Amino acid sequence: MTLQDAVMDYIETQNHVSFAELTNRFPQFKGGEMAVCAPSHPTIIYWCDMQEEAAEVVKNLFESEKIHFKRASALIYAIDGLSLSLPIAKSVRQFKNDHWLPVIIMKGKRTKEEKK
């Protein structure tokens, strides 16, 4: 089974997961230099320090609309035991320095309700 298949299977069984959960479950989500950023705001970081393979998996699943991201509380990450040491983005905009936007990864395409 490929990493992409394993990650997608995990997301499907959980319905939504944090990057902290993926980091705890899959070694490719730690120990690297790659980051997942908001598509049109490169200073908004969803997660970082991933290996290239993990970042590619997230990118492929997102671009094929098999997953989407939904803003989440940093408390979810605290409960999952991992967070980023960046300032938290309180809004989605371009920043001078990197900011962390805690998100959960959900299966499927964003619904119209989630876009509001």
Protein backbone atom coordinates (compact mmCIF):
# COMPACT_ATOMS: atom_id res chain seq x y z
CA MET A 1 0.00 0.00 0.00
CA THR A 2 1.32 3.44 -0.90
CA LEU A 3 1.57 6.25 1.62
CA GLN A 4 -1.18 8.09 -0.26
CA ASP A 5 -3.51 5.08 0.00
CA ALA A 6 -2.71 4.62 3.70
CA VAL A 7 -3.31 8.31 4.48
CA MET A 8 -6.57 8.37 2.53
CA ASP A 9 -7.77 5.17 4.23
CA TYR A 10 -7.00 6.72 7.61
CA ILE A 11 -8.84 9.96 6.79
CA GLU A 12 -11.84 8.01 5.49
CA THR A 13 -12.10 5.92 8.64
CA GLN A 14 -11.76 8.96 10.93
CA ASN A 15 -13.74 11.41 8.76
CA HIS A 16 -11.38 14.22 9.81
CA VAL A 17 -7.85 14.30 11.20
CA SER A 18 -5.28 16.84 12.30
CA PHE A 19 -1.77 17.04 10.92
CA ALA A 20 -0.64 16.10 14.44
CA GLU A 21 -2.51 12.79 14.11
CA LEU A 22 -0.87 12.11 10.76
CA THR A 23 2.53 13.01 12.22
CA ASN A 24 1.99 10.58 15.09
CA ARG A 25 0.81 7.81 12.74
CA PHE A 26 3.06 8.16 9.67
CA PRO A 27 6.82 8.78 10.02
CA GLN A 28 6.93 10.64 6.68
CA PHE A 29 5.03 13.52 8.28
CA LYS A 30 8.05 14.43 10.42
CA GLY A 31 11.77 14.96 10.02
CA GLY A 32 11.69 16.87 6.76
CA GLU A 33 11.86 20.40 5.42
CA MET A 34 8.57 20.65 3.53
CA ALA A 35 5.47 22.61 4.51
CA VAL A 36 1.83 22.71 3.46
CA CYS A 37 0.64 26.30 3.01
CA ALA A 38 -2.64 27.98 2.17
CA PRO A 39 -2.90 27.90 -1.64
CA SER A 40 -3.00 31.67 -2.20
CA HIS A 41 -1.24 32.75 1.02
CA PRO A 42 2.24 31.19 1.28
CA THR A 43 2.91 32.73 4.70
CA ILE A 44 -0.01 30.80 6.19
CA ILE A 45 1.34 27.42 7.20
CA TYR A 46 -0.96 24.45 7.81
CA TRP A 47 1.88 22.13 8.83
CA CYS A 48 5.65 21.94 8.36
CA ASP A 49 8.77 19.82 8.89
CA MET A 50 7.33 17.07 6.69
CA GLN A 51 9.24 14.86 4.32
CA GLU A 52 8.70 15.55 0.63
CA GLU A 53 6.69 12.34 0.14
CA ALA A 54 4.14 13.37 2.78
CA ALA A 55 3.82 16.89 1.38
CA GLU A 56 3.24 15.46 -2.10
CA VAL A 57 0.55 13.12 -0.76
CA VAL A 58 -1.32 16.03 0.85
CA LYS A 59 -0.96 18.13 -2.31
CA ASN A 60 -2.20 15.30 -4.56
CA LEU A 61 -5.18 14.48 -2.36
CA PHE A 62 -6.14 18.17 -2.11
CA GLU A 63 -5.76 18.86 -5.83
CA SER A 64 -7.82 15.76 -6.70
CA GLU A 65 -10.52 17.00 -4.25
CA LYS A 66 -10.30 13.86 -2.14
CA ILE A 67 -9.61 16.04 0.92
CA HIS A 68 -10.13 19.61 2.01
CA PHE A 69 -9.02 21.72 4.95
CA LYS A 70 -11.23 23.27 7.59
CA ARG A 71 -10.08 25.81 10.14
CA ALA A 72 -9.74 24.30 13.62
CA SER A 73 -8.89 25.29 17.14
CA ALA A 74 -5.28 25.04 18.27
CA LEU A 75 -6.74 23.11 21.20
CA ILE A 76 -7.24 20.11 18.90
CA TYR A 77 -3.51 20.10 18.29
CA ALA A 78 -2.77 20.48 21.99
CA ILE A 79 -4.95 17.44 22.66
CA ASP A 80 -3.19 15.53 19.88
CA GLY A 81 0.14 16.46 21.47
CA LEU A 82 1.76 18.53 18.72
CA SER A 83 1.61 22.10 17.50
CA LEU A 84 3.75 24.57 15.59
CA SER A 85 5.81 27.26 17.27
CA LEU A 86 4.54 30.02 15.01
CA PRO A 87 2.10 32.83 15.75
CA ILE A 88 -1.47 31.70 15.08
CA ALA A 89 -3.17 33.32 12.09
CA LYS A 90 -6.37 34.94 13.30
CA SER A 91 -7.43 35.74 9.74
CA VAL A 92 -6.58 34.53 6.27
CA ARG A 93 -4.39 37.18 4.70
CA GLN A 94 -0.82 37.70 3.63
CA PHE A 95 1.59 38.16 6.56
CA LYS A 96 5.18 39.47 6.58
CA ASN A 97 6.26 36.38 8.55
CA ASP A 98 4.95 32.83 8.63
CA HIS A 99 1.84 32.19 10.73
CA TRP A 100 0.19 28.89 11.63
CA LEU A 101 -3.43 28.26 10.72
CA PRO A 102 -4.59 25.15 12.59
CA VAL A 103 -6.76 23.04 10.29
CA ILE A 104 -8.31 19.63 10.21
CA ILE A 105 -8.21 17.51 7.09
CA MET A 106 -11.62 16.31 5.98
CA LYS A 107 -12.51 13.82 3.31
CA GLY A 108 -14.04 14.96 0.07
CA LYS A 109 -14.65 18.29 -1.55
CA ARG A 110 -15.70 21.32 0.50
CA THR A 111 -19.45 21.72 0.68
CA LYS A 112 -21.22 24.97 -0.09
CA GLU A 113 -21.99 25.34 3.62
CA GLU A 114 -18.28 25.08 4.51
CA LYS A 115 -17.40 27.77 1.97
CA LYS A 116 -19.50 30.36 3.82
